[in-house]
N, C-alpha and C. Protein backbone atom coordinates (compact mmCIF):
# COMPACT_ATOMS: atom_id res chain seq x y z
N UNK A 1 90.93 57.40 82.26
CA UNK A 1 90.83 58.98 82.36
C UNK A 1 91.44 59.63 81.43
N UNK A 2 90.85 59.55 80.29
CA UNK A 2 91.26 60.46 79.20
C UNK A 2 91.26 62.02 79.37
N UNK A 3 89.99 62.43 79.85
CA UNK A 3 90.10 63.83 80.20
C UNK A 3 90.95 64.33 81.36
N UNK A 4 91.22 63.41 82.10
CA UNK A 4 92.13 63.99 83.07
C UNK A 4 93.45 64.16 82.60
N UNK A 5 94.17 63.18 81.82
CA UNK A 5 95.19 63.69 81.11
C UNK A 5 95.33 64.83 80.17
N UNK A 6 94.31 65.01 79.61
CA UNK A 6 94.03 66.16 78.62
C UNK A 6 94.35 67.41 79.60
N UNK A 7 93.28 67.49 80.84
CA UNK A 7 93.24 68.50 81.60
C UNK A 7 94.47 68.81 82.48
N UNK A 8 95.33 67.69 82.54
CA UNK A 8 96.63 67.96 83.07
C UNK A 8 97.70 68.60 82.13
N UNK A 9 97.55 68.00 81.00
CA UNK A 9 98.43 68.96 79.88
C UNK A 9 98.11 70.24 79.64
N UNK A 10 96.59 70.78 79.66
CA UNK A 10 96.22 71.94 79.55
C UNK A 10 96.75 72.79 80.80
N UNK A 11 96.48 72.13 81.98
CA UNK A 11 97.04 72.81 83.18
C UNK A 11 98.65 73.17 83.09
N UNK A 12 99.39 72.18 82.59
CA UNK A 12 100.96 72.27 82.61
C UNK A 12 101.40 73.46 81.53
N UNK A 13 100.53 73.57 80.41
CA UNK A 13 100.91 74.60 79.45
C UNK A 13 100.41 76.02 79.96
N UNK A 14 99.34 76.04 80.61
CA UNK A 14 98.81 77.33 81.13
C UNK A 14 100.02 77.79 82.25
N UNK A 15 100.34 76.81 83.07
CA UNK A 15 101.24 77.34 84.20
C UNK A 15 102.52 77.58 83.78
N UNK A 16 103.14 76.87 82.64
CA UNK A 16 104.62 77.15 82.25
C UNK A 16 104.59 78.20 81.01
N UNK A 17 103.42 78.65 80.70
CA UNK A 17 103.26 79.69 79.52
C UNK A 17 104.43 80.59 79.55
N UNK A 18 104.24 81.83 80.19
CA UNK A 18 104.96 83.02 80.14
C UNK A 18 106.16 82.91 81.44
N UNK A 19 107.24 83.42 81.21
CA UNK A 19 108.08 83.31 82.27
C UNK A 19 107.64 84.13 83.46
N UNK A 20 108.11 83.97 84.68
CA UNK A 20 107.48 84.63 85.54
C UNK A 20 108.04 86.02 85.94
N UNK A 21 107.10 87.16 86.00
CA UNK A 21 107.35 88.48 86.17
C UNK A 21 107.99 88.97 87.71
N UNK A 22 108.68 89.88 87.72
CA UNK A 22 109.18 90.23 88.85
C UNK A 22 107.85 91.05 89.47
N UNK A 23 107.97 91.31 90.72
CA UNK A 23 107.04 92.06 91.33
C UNK A 23 106.69 93.60 90.86
N UNK A 24 107.86 94.10 90.38
CA UNK A 24 107.58 95.56 89.81
C UNK A 24 107.04 95.27 88.40
N UNK A 25 106.81 94.23 87.67
CA UNK A 25 106.05 94.06 86.46
C UNK A 25 104.70 93.58 86.61
N UNK A 26 104.34 93.12 87.81
CA UNK A 26 103.00 92.56 87.97
C UNK A 26 102.01 93.61 88.06
N UNK A 27 100.99 93.48 87.58
CA UNK A 27 99.78 94.47 87.74
C UNK A 27 99.10 94.44 89.05
N UNK A 28 98.69 95.55 89.69
CA UNK A 28 98.07 95.56 90.90
C UNK A 28 96.43 95.85 90.34
N UNK A 29 95.74 94.97 90.99
CA UNK A 29 94.27 94.95 90.76
C UNK A 29 93.61 94.99 92.15
N UNK A 30 92.35 95.42 91.95
CA UNK A 30 91.43 95.72 93.18
C UNK A 30 90.71 94.20 93.39
N UNK A 31 89.83 93.97 94.45
CA UNK A 31 89.19 92.85 94.69
C UNK A 31 88.06 92.88 93.86
N UNK A 32 87.57 93.80 93.13
CA UNK A 32 86.55 93.89 92.24
C UNK A 32 87.07 94.55 90.83
N UNK A 33 87.01 93.99 89.83
CA UNK A 33 87.35 94.67 88.28
C UNK A 33 86.33 94.47 87.44
N UNK A 34 86.51 95.29 86.36
CA UNK A 34 85.83 94.71 85.17
C UNK A 34 86.71 94.09 84.25
N UNK A 35 86.25 92.91 83.64
CA UNK A 35 86.90 91.83 82.86
C UNK A 35 86.37 91.81 81.51
N UNK A 36 87.17 91.34 80.38
CA UNK A 36 86.43 91.04 79.18
C UNK A 36 86.79 89.69 78.71
N UNK A 37 85.66 88.84 78.08
CA UNK A 37 85.91 87.72 77.57
C UNK A 37 86.09 87.83 76.17
N UNK A 38 86.99 87.36 75.45
CA UNK A 38 87.42 87.55 74.02
C UNK A 38 87.11 86.28 73.29
N UNK A 39 86.92 86.21 72.16
CA UNK A 39 86.68 87.52 71.20
C UNK A 39 85.43 88.05 71.20
N UNK A 40 84.38 87.73 72.11
CA UNK A 40 83.06 88.11 72.20
C UNK A 40 82.91 89.53 72.66
N UNK A 41 83.95 89.92 73.38
CA UNK A 41 84.04 91.25 73.93
C UNK A 41 82.82 91.48 74.98
N UNK A 42 82.77 90.58 75.90
CA UNK A 42 81.72 90.68 77.01
C UNK A 42 82.47 91.10 78.31
N UNK A 43 81.83 92.37 78.63
CA UNK A 43 82.50 93.08 79.57
C UNK A 43 81.54 92.62 80.84
N UNK A 44 82.31 92.13 82.01
CA UNK A 44 81.55 91.83 83.14
C UNK A 44 82.18 92.29 84.25
N UNK A 45 81.73 92.64 85.51
CA UNK A 45 82.09 92.86 86.55
C UNK A 45 82.81 91.57 87.28
N UNK A 46 83.86 91.58 87.86
CA UNK A 46 84.55 90.40 88.26
C UNK A 46 85.02 90.49 89.68
N UNK A 47 84.74 89.42 90.51
CA UNK A 47 85.61 89.29 91.88
C UNK A 47 86.70 88.71 91.66
N UNK A 48 87.84 89.18 92.19
CA UNK A 48 89.25 88.58 92.13
C UNK A 48 89.28 87.97 93.33
N UNK A 49 89.44 86.62 93.16
CA UNK A 49 89.38 85.76 94.35
C UNK A 49 90.80 84.89 94.47
N UNK A 50 91.60 85.27 95.36
CA UNK A 50 93.02 84.42 95.28
C UNK A 50 92.51 83.02 96.04
N UNK A 51 91.31 82.76 96.55
CA UNK A 51 91.17 81.75 97.28
C UNK A 51 90.74 80.72 96.19
N UNK A 52 90.34 80.90 95.10
CA UNK A 52 89.89 79.89 93.95
C UNK A 52 90.68 79.66 93.16
N UNK A 53 90.95 78.26 92.75
CA UNK A 53 91.89 77.55 91.93
C UNK A 53 91.78 78.27 90.52
N UNK A 54 90.45 78.20 89.99
CA UNK A 54 90.18 78.50 88.53
C UNK A 54 89.18 79.74 88.52
N UNK A 55 88.85 80.30 87.23
CA UNK A 55 87.94 81.19 87.05
C UNK A 55 86.51 80.51 86.99
N UNK A 56 85.56 81.19 87.30
CA UNK A 56 84.15 80.85 87.35
C UNK A 56 83.37 81.73 86.63
N UNK A 57 82.33 81.33 85.66
CA UNK A 57 81.66 82.14 84.80
C UNK A 57 80.12 81.70 84.84
N UNK A 58 79.25 82.72 85.13
CA UNK A 58 77.89 82.64 85.15
C UNK A 58 77.37 82.26 83.83
N UNK A 59 77.23 80.85 83.62
CA UNK A 59 76.65 80.54 82.25
C UNK A 59 75.45 79.53 82.52
N UNK A 60 74.62 80.03 81.53
CA UNK A 60 73.17 79.39 81.71
C UNK A 60 72.86 78.65 80.26
N UNK A 61 71.98 77.74 80.31
CA UNK A 61 71.43 76.96 79.11
C UNK A 61 72.83 76.10 78.75
N UNK A 62 73.47 75.33 79.30
CA UNK A 62 74.75 74.70 79.01
C UNK A 62 74.30 73.40 78.51
N UNK A 63 74.72 73.15 77.16
CA UNK A 63 74.47 71.97 76.31
C UNK A 63 75.48 71.63 75.52
N UNK A 64 75.85 70.12 75.71
CA UNK A 64 76.78 69.28 75.13
C UNK A 64 76.40 69.11 73.82
N UNK A 65 77.57 69.40 72.83
CA UNK A 65 77.31 69.16 71.52
C UNK A 65 78.61 68.26 70.88
N UNK A 66 78.48 67.20 70.37
CA UNK A 66 79.49 66.36 69.83
C UNK A 66 79.86 66.84 68.49
N UNK A 67 81.04 67.30 68.17
CA UNK A 67 81.47 67.80 66.86
C UNK A 67 82.65 67.11 66.43
N UNK A 68 82.54 66.15 65.59
CA UNK A 68 83.35 65.36 64.94
C UNK A 68 84.31 64.66 66.17
N UNK A 69 83.54 64.16 67.03
CA UNK A 69 84.04 63.27 68.18
C UNK A 69 84.65 64.31 69.38
N UNK A 70 84.54 65.69 69.12
CA UNK A 70 85.02 66.55 70.12
C UNK A 70 83.84 67.09 70.78
N UNK A 71 83.95 66.90 72.27
CA UNK A 71 83.01 67.43 73.03
C UNK A 71 82.90 69.07 73.23
N UNK A 72 81.93 69.65 72.76
CA UNK A 72 81.62 71.07 72.90
C UNK A 72 80.65 71.42 73.80
N UNK A 73 80.66 72.58 74.27
CA UNK A 73 79.69 73.20 75.14
C UNK A 73 79.02 74.41 74.49
N UNK A 74 77.87 74.39 74.43
CA UNK A 74 77.28 75.68 74.15
C UNK A 74 76.54 76.32 75.26
N UNK A 75 76.72 77.65 75.53
CA UNK A 75 76.07 78.33 76.80
C UNK A 75 75.85 79.64 76.45
N UNK A 76 74.95 80.14 77.21
CA UNK A 76 74.81 81.84 77.22
C UNK A 76 75.28 82.32 78.34
N UNK A 77 75.74 83.80 78.17
CA UNK A 77 76.38 84.49 79.26
C UNK A 77 75.43 85.78 79.10
N UNK A 78 74.85 86.04 80.45
CA UNK A 78 74.18 87.39 80.36
C UNK A 78 75.02 88.32 81.10
N UNK A 79 75.26 89.60 80.37
CA UNK A 79 76.23 90.79 81.06
C UNK A 79 75.60 91.21 82.13
N UNK A 80 74.36 91.17 82.52
CA UNK A 80 73.57 91.83 83.32
C UNK A 80 73.22 93.26 83.16
N UNK A 81 73.70 93.46 81.79
CA UNK A 81 73.55 95.04 81.36
C UNK A 81 72.83 94.91 80.10
N UNK A 82 71.69 93.92 80.12
CA UNK A 82 70.95 93.88 78.80
C UNK A 82 71.54 93.08 77.57
N UNK A 83 72.50 92.48 77.58
CA UNK A 83 73.14 91.67 76.50
C UNK A 83 73.38 90.34 77.00
N UNK A 84 72.70 89.35 76.08
CA UNK A 84 73.07 87.84 76.35
C UNK A 84 73.81 87.43 75.14
N UNK A 85 74.85 86.86 75.27
CA UNK A 85 75.66 86.23 74.13
C UNK A 85 75.83 84.68 74.40
N UNK A 86 75.92 83.94 73.12
CA UNK A 86 75.97 82.56 73.19
C UNK A 86 77.44 82.29 72.75
N UNK A 87 77.85 81.32 73.59
CA UNK A 87 79.45 81.02 73.26
C UNK A 87 79.46 79.34 73.02
N UNK A 88 80.58 78.86 72.13
CA UNK A 88 80.67 77.34 72.13
C UNK A 88 82.15 77.53 72.32
N UNK A 89 82.65 76.36 73.16
CA UNK A 89 83.86 75.99 73.54
C UNK A 89 83.88 74.59 73.76
N UNK A 90 85.42 74.23 73.49
CA UNK A 90 85.55 72.77 73.88
C UNK A 90 85.57 72.53 75.24
N UNK A 91 85.14 71.37 75.74
CA UNK A 91 85.09 71.14 77.31
C UNK A 91 86.55 70.27 77.33
N UNK A 92 87.34 70.73 78.23
CA UNK A 92 88.65 70.16 78.48
C UNK A 92 88.74 69.27 79.70
N UNK A 93 87.58 69.24 80.43
CA UNK A 93 87.51 68.38 81.78
C UNK A 93 86.30 68.81 82.57
N UNK A 94 86.42 68.19 83.62
CA UNK A 94 85.41 68.54 84.86
C UNK A 94 86.33 68.96 86.13
N UNK A 95 85.87 69.91 86.70
CA UNK A 95 86.42 70.39 88.03
C UNK A 95 85.59 70.19 88.96
N UNK A 96 86.32 69.56 90.08
CA UNK A 96 85.47 69.36 91.35
C UNK A 96 85.66 70.55 92.41
N UNK A 97 84.67 71.23 92.70
CA UNK A 97 84.62 72.38 93.60
C UNK A 97 84.11 72.21 95.03
N UNK A 98 84.87 72.28 95.89
CA UNK A 98 84.47 72.05 97.26
C UNK A 98 83.42 73.18 97.79
N UNK A 99 82.32 73.03 98.36
CA UNK A 99 81.33 73.93 98.67
C UNK A 99 81.48 74.12 100.25
N UNK A 100 80.91 75.16 100.84
CA UNK A 100 81.10 75.49 102.17
C UNK A 100 80.05 74.58 102.92
N UNK A 101 79.29 73.79 102.37
CA UNK A 101 78.34 72.93 103.27
C UNK A 101 78.90 71.45 103.09
N UNK A 102 80.01 71.44 102.57
CA UNK A 102 80.86 70.06 102.69
C UNK A 102 80.51 69.24 101.24
N UNK A 103 79.64 69.65 100.46
CA UNK A 103 79.42 68.97 99.29
C UNK A 103 80.17 69.18 98.05
N UNK A 104 80.77 68.47 97.57
CA UNK A 104 81.60 68.84 96.50
C UNK A 104 80.57 68.88 95.09
N UNK A 105 80.99 69.74 94.17
CA UNK A 105 80.10 69.97 92.95
C UNK A 105 81.04 69.88 91.84
N UNK A 106 80.40 69.14 90.72
CA UNK A 106 81.23 68.99 89.55
C UNK A 106 80.80 70.00 88.63
N UNK A 107 81.73 70.74 87.90
CA UNK A 107 81.47 71.74 87.00
C UNK A 107 82.29 71.60 85.65
N UNK A 108 81.69 71.70 84.68
CA UNK A 108 82.37 71.63 83.29
C UNK A 108 83.34 72.83 83.09
N UNK A 109 84.55 72.46 82.51
CA UNK A 109 85.80 73.07 82.33
C UNK A 109 86.12 73.24 81.07
N UNK A 110 86.30 74.71 80.54
CA UNK A 110 86.65 75.17 79.33
C UNK A 110 87.98 75.92 79.47
N UNK A 111 88.45 76.50 78.31
CA UNK A 111 89.46 77.41 78.31
C UNK A 111 88.79 78.51 77.39
N UNK A 112 88.98 79.79 78.08
CA UNK A 112 88.57 80.98 77.35
C UNK A 112 89.76 82.03 77.53
N UNK A 113 89.74 83.00 76.43
CA UNK A 113 90.73 84.30 76.82
C UNK A 113 89.89 85.15 77.61
N UNK A 114 90.67 85.76 78.67
CA UNK A 114 89.90 86.55 79.71
C UNK A 114 91.11 87.80 79.78
N UNK A 115 90.56 89.01 79.84
CA UNK A 115 91.35 90.05 80.00
C UNK A 115 90.95 90.76 81.22
N UNK A 116 92.00 91.19 82.15
CA UNK A 116 91.80 91.94 83.28
C UNK A 116 92.88 93.08 83.27
N UNK A 117 92.30 94.34 82.89
CA UNK A 117 93.35 95.39 82.70
C UNK A 117 94.14 95.00 81.47
N UNK A 118 95.58 95.21 81.81
CA UNK A 118 96.43 94.94 80.53
C UNK A 118 96.67 93.42 80.47
N UNK A 119 96.19 92.52 81.34
CA UNK A 119 96.62 91.10 81.29
C UNK A 119 95.45 90.26 80.57
N UNK A 120 95.76 89.73 79.42
CA UNK A 120 95.04 88.92 78.76
C UNK A 120 95.50 87.54 78.63
N UNK A 121 94.88 86.45 78.95
CA UNK A 121 95.45 85.17 78.74
C UNK A 121 94.23 84.01 78.60
N UNK A 122 94.80 83.10 77.97
CA UNK A 122 93.78 81.87 77.82
C UNK A 122 93.77 81.12 79.19
N UNK A 123 92.64 80.91 79.72
CA UNK A 123 92.74 80.40 81.19
C UNK A 123 91.56 79.40 81.31
N UNK A 124 91.65 78.54 82.46
CA UNK A 124 90.72 77.66 82.73
C UNK A 124 89.52 78.15 83.51
N UNK A 125 88.32 77.95 82.85
CA UNK A 125 87.15 78.49 83.45
C UNK A 125 86.05 77.45 83.67
N UNK A 126 85.53 77.34 84.90
CA UNK A 126 84.29 76.29 85.14
C UNK A 126 83.03 77.18 84.77
N UNK A 127 82.26 76.37 84.42
CA UNK A 127 80.80 77.05 83.90
C UNK A 127 79.80 76.68 85.16
N UNK A 128 79.26 77.54 85.73
CA UNK A 128 78.17 77.35 86.93
C UNK A 128 77.21 78.38 86.86
N UNK A 129 75.89 78.24 87.51
CA UNK A 129 75.06 79.24 87.72
C UNK A 129 75.29 80.08 88.89
N UNK A 130 75.69 81.39 88.48
CA UNK A 130 76.22 82.28 89.40
C UNK A 130 74.99 83.31 89.46
N UNK A 131 74.06 83.22 89.28
CA UNK A 131 72.77 84.19 89.30
C UNK A 131 72.63 84.83 90.87
N UNK A 132 72.77 83.81 91.88
CA UNK A 132 72.66 84.03 92.99
C UNK A 132 73.80 85.08 93.65
N UNK A 133 74.92 85.20 92.84
CA UNK A 133 75.96 85.81 93.34
C UNK A 133 76.03 87.32 92.62
N UNK A 134 76.69 88.19 93.47
CA UNK A 134 76.68 89.54 93.14
C UNK A 134 77.52 89.71 91.71
N UNK A 135 78.61 88.99 91.51
CA UNK A 135 79.36 89.24 90.26
C UNK A 135 79.20 88.07 89.20
N UNK A 136 79.02 88.20 88.17
CA UNK A 136 79.07 86.98 87.11
C UNK A 136 80.30 86.19 86.87
N UNK A 137 81.36 86.90 87.19
CA UNK A 137 82.67 86.35 87.05
C UNK A 137 83.57 86.42 88.30
N UNK A 138 84.19 85.37 88.40
CA UNK A 138 85.19 85.18 89.62
C UNK A 138 86.56 84.63 88.96
N UNK A 139 87.64 85.70 89.19
CA UNK A 139 88.65 85.48 88.58
C UNK A 139 89.68 84.58 89.51
N UNK A 140 90.06 83.38 89.06
CA UNK A 140 90.63 82.72 90.04
C UNK A 140 92.33 82.65 89.96
N UNK A 141 93.05 81.95 90.84
CA UNK A 141 94.52 81.84 90.80
C UNK A 141 95.18 81.55 89.40
N UNK A 142 94.52 80.64 88.75
CA UNK A 142 95.06 80.15 87.52
C UNK A 142 95.32 81.27 86.51
N UNK A 143 94.60 82.24 86.46
CA UNK A 143 94.57 83.41 85.82
C UNK A 143 95.75 84.35 86.22
N UNK A 144 95.62 84.48 87.52
CA UNK A 144 96.56 85.51 88.25
C UNK A 144 98.09 85.13 88.23
N UNK A 145 98.31 83.89 88.15
CA UNK A 145 99.75 83.42 88.35
C UNK A 145 100.80 84.08 87.68
N UNK A 146 101.71 84.70 88.40
CA UNK A 146 102.86 85.42 88.00
C UNK A 146 102.58 86.65 87.26
N UNK A 147 101.32 87.24 87.36
CA UNK A 147 101.14 88.28 86.66
C UNK A 147 100.41 89.60 87.47
N UNK A 148 99.51 89.01 88.47
CA UNK A 148 98.64 89.98 89.28
C UNK A 148 98.92 89.92 90.96
N UNK A 149 98.79 91.19 91.43
CA UNK A 149 98.89 91.32 92.71
C UNK A 149 97.60 91.95 92.98
N UNK A 150 96.74 91.35 94.08
CA UNK A 150 95.37 91.71 94.39
C UNK A 150 95.62 92.74 95.72
N UNK A 151 94.95 93.96 95.72
CA UNK A 151 94.57 94.65 96.79
C UNK A 151 93.19 94.61 97.15
N UNK A 152 92.77 93.76 97.98
CA UNK A 152 91.49 93.63 98.32
C UNK A 152 90.73 94.75 99.01
N UNK A 153 91.58 95.74 99.28
CA UNK A 153 90.65 97.09 99.93
C UNK A 153 90.53 97.94 98.69
N UNK A 154 90.76 97.81 97.57
CA UNK A 154 90.43 98.66 96.41
C UNK A 154 89.47 98.02 95.49
N UNK A 155 88.89 98.64 94.64
CA UNK A 155 88.06 98.35 93.32
C UNK A 155 88.25 98.89 92.20
N UNK A 156 87.99 98.38 91.06
CA UNK A 156 88.34 98.99 89.76
C UNK A 156 89.37 99.65 89.48
N UNK A 157 90.50 99.30 89.81
CA UNK A 157 91.80 99.93 89.34
C UNK A 157 92.52 99.69 88.03
N UNK A 158 91.69 98.87 87.20
CA UNK A 158 92.25 98.77 86.08
C UNK A 158 91.40 99.59 84.90
N UNK A 159 90.33 100.02 85.24
CA UNK A 159 89.65 100.84 84.24
C UNK A 159 88.52 99.87 83.59
N UNK A 160 88.35 99.98 82.31
CA UNK A 160 87.61 99.11 81.62
C UNK A 160 88.07 97.65 81.57
N UNK A 161 89.14 97.41 81.57
CA UNK A 161 89.60 95.97 81.33
C UNK A 161 89.37 95.54 79.95
N UNK A 162 90.62 94.85 79.42
CA UNK A 162 90.37 94.47 77.93
C UNK A 162 91.02 95.41 77.04
N UNK A 163 90.95 94.94 75.72
CA UNK A 163 91.50 95.79 74.65
C UNK A 163 90.74 96.96 74.20
N UNK A 164 91.45 97.77 73.52
CA UNK A 164 90.77 98.93 72.77
C UNK A 164 89.72 98.38 71.65
N UNK A 165 88.67 98.98 71.81
CA UNK A 165 87.53 98.48 70.97
C UNK A 165 86.49 97.68 71.62
N UNK A 166 86.93 97.25 72.73
CA UNK A 166 85.94 96.30 73.48
C UNK A 166 84.53 97.13 73.79
N UNK A 167 83.60 96.20 73.66
CA UNK A 167 82.24 96.99 73.79
C UNK A 167 81.42 96.24 74.89
N UNK A 168 80.27 96.80 75.44
CA UNK A 168 79.49 96.00 76.18
C UNK A 168 78.54 95.03 75.48
């Protein structure tokens, strides 16, 4: 279970990274926001989901590549606004995601830098086909931990999301 120990190490680093913020320092976001994937500056509509462990990204044409013994994944992301971007990232594990019909699904797991409002962090992201979903990105708890409070009754509280100079 070599990948499991690597995944566990990544999770520990992500969970212990910054010190916990007080409630006054946490950013309030809506149930739907604009998010940015860096460094590619991919702006996506995102559902903010406190019920999901990790972030899920609509990824297509996922291909495994061996680069000097490191398993990399190459995939495309469609912004749903006329831009398609190819990304390469190291696969850090497999996430088992329970489905409503009772079947568990395995999804490749990577780490990407995601920004939501003023919060940018490297976070675990599973890759899946979300073409049948309204939002191409789902922000999970591992991103929100100690930094985000969600008001599901509101949307787009953070504005554009991401750093200055981000483009679609």
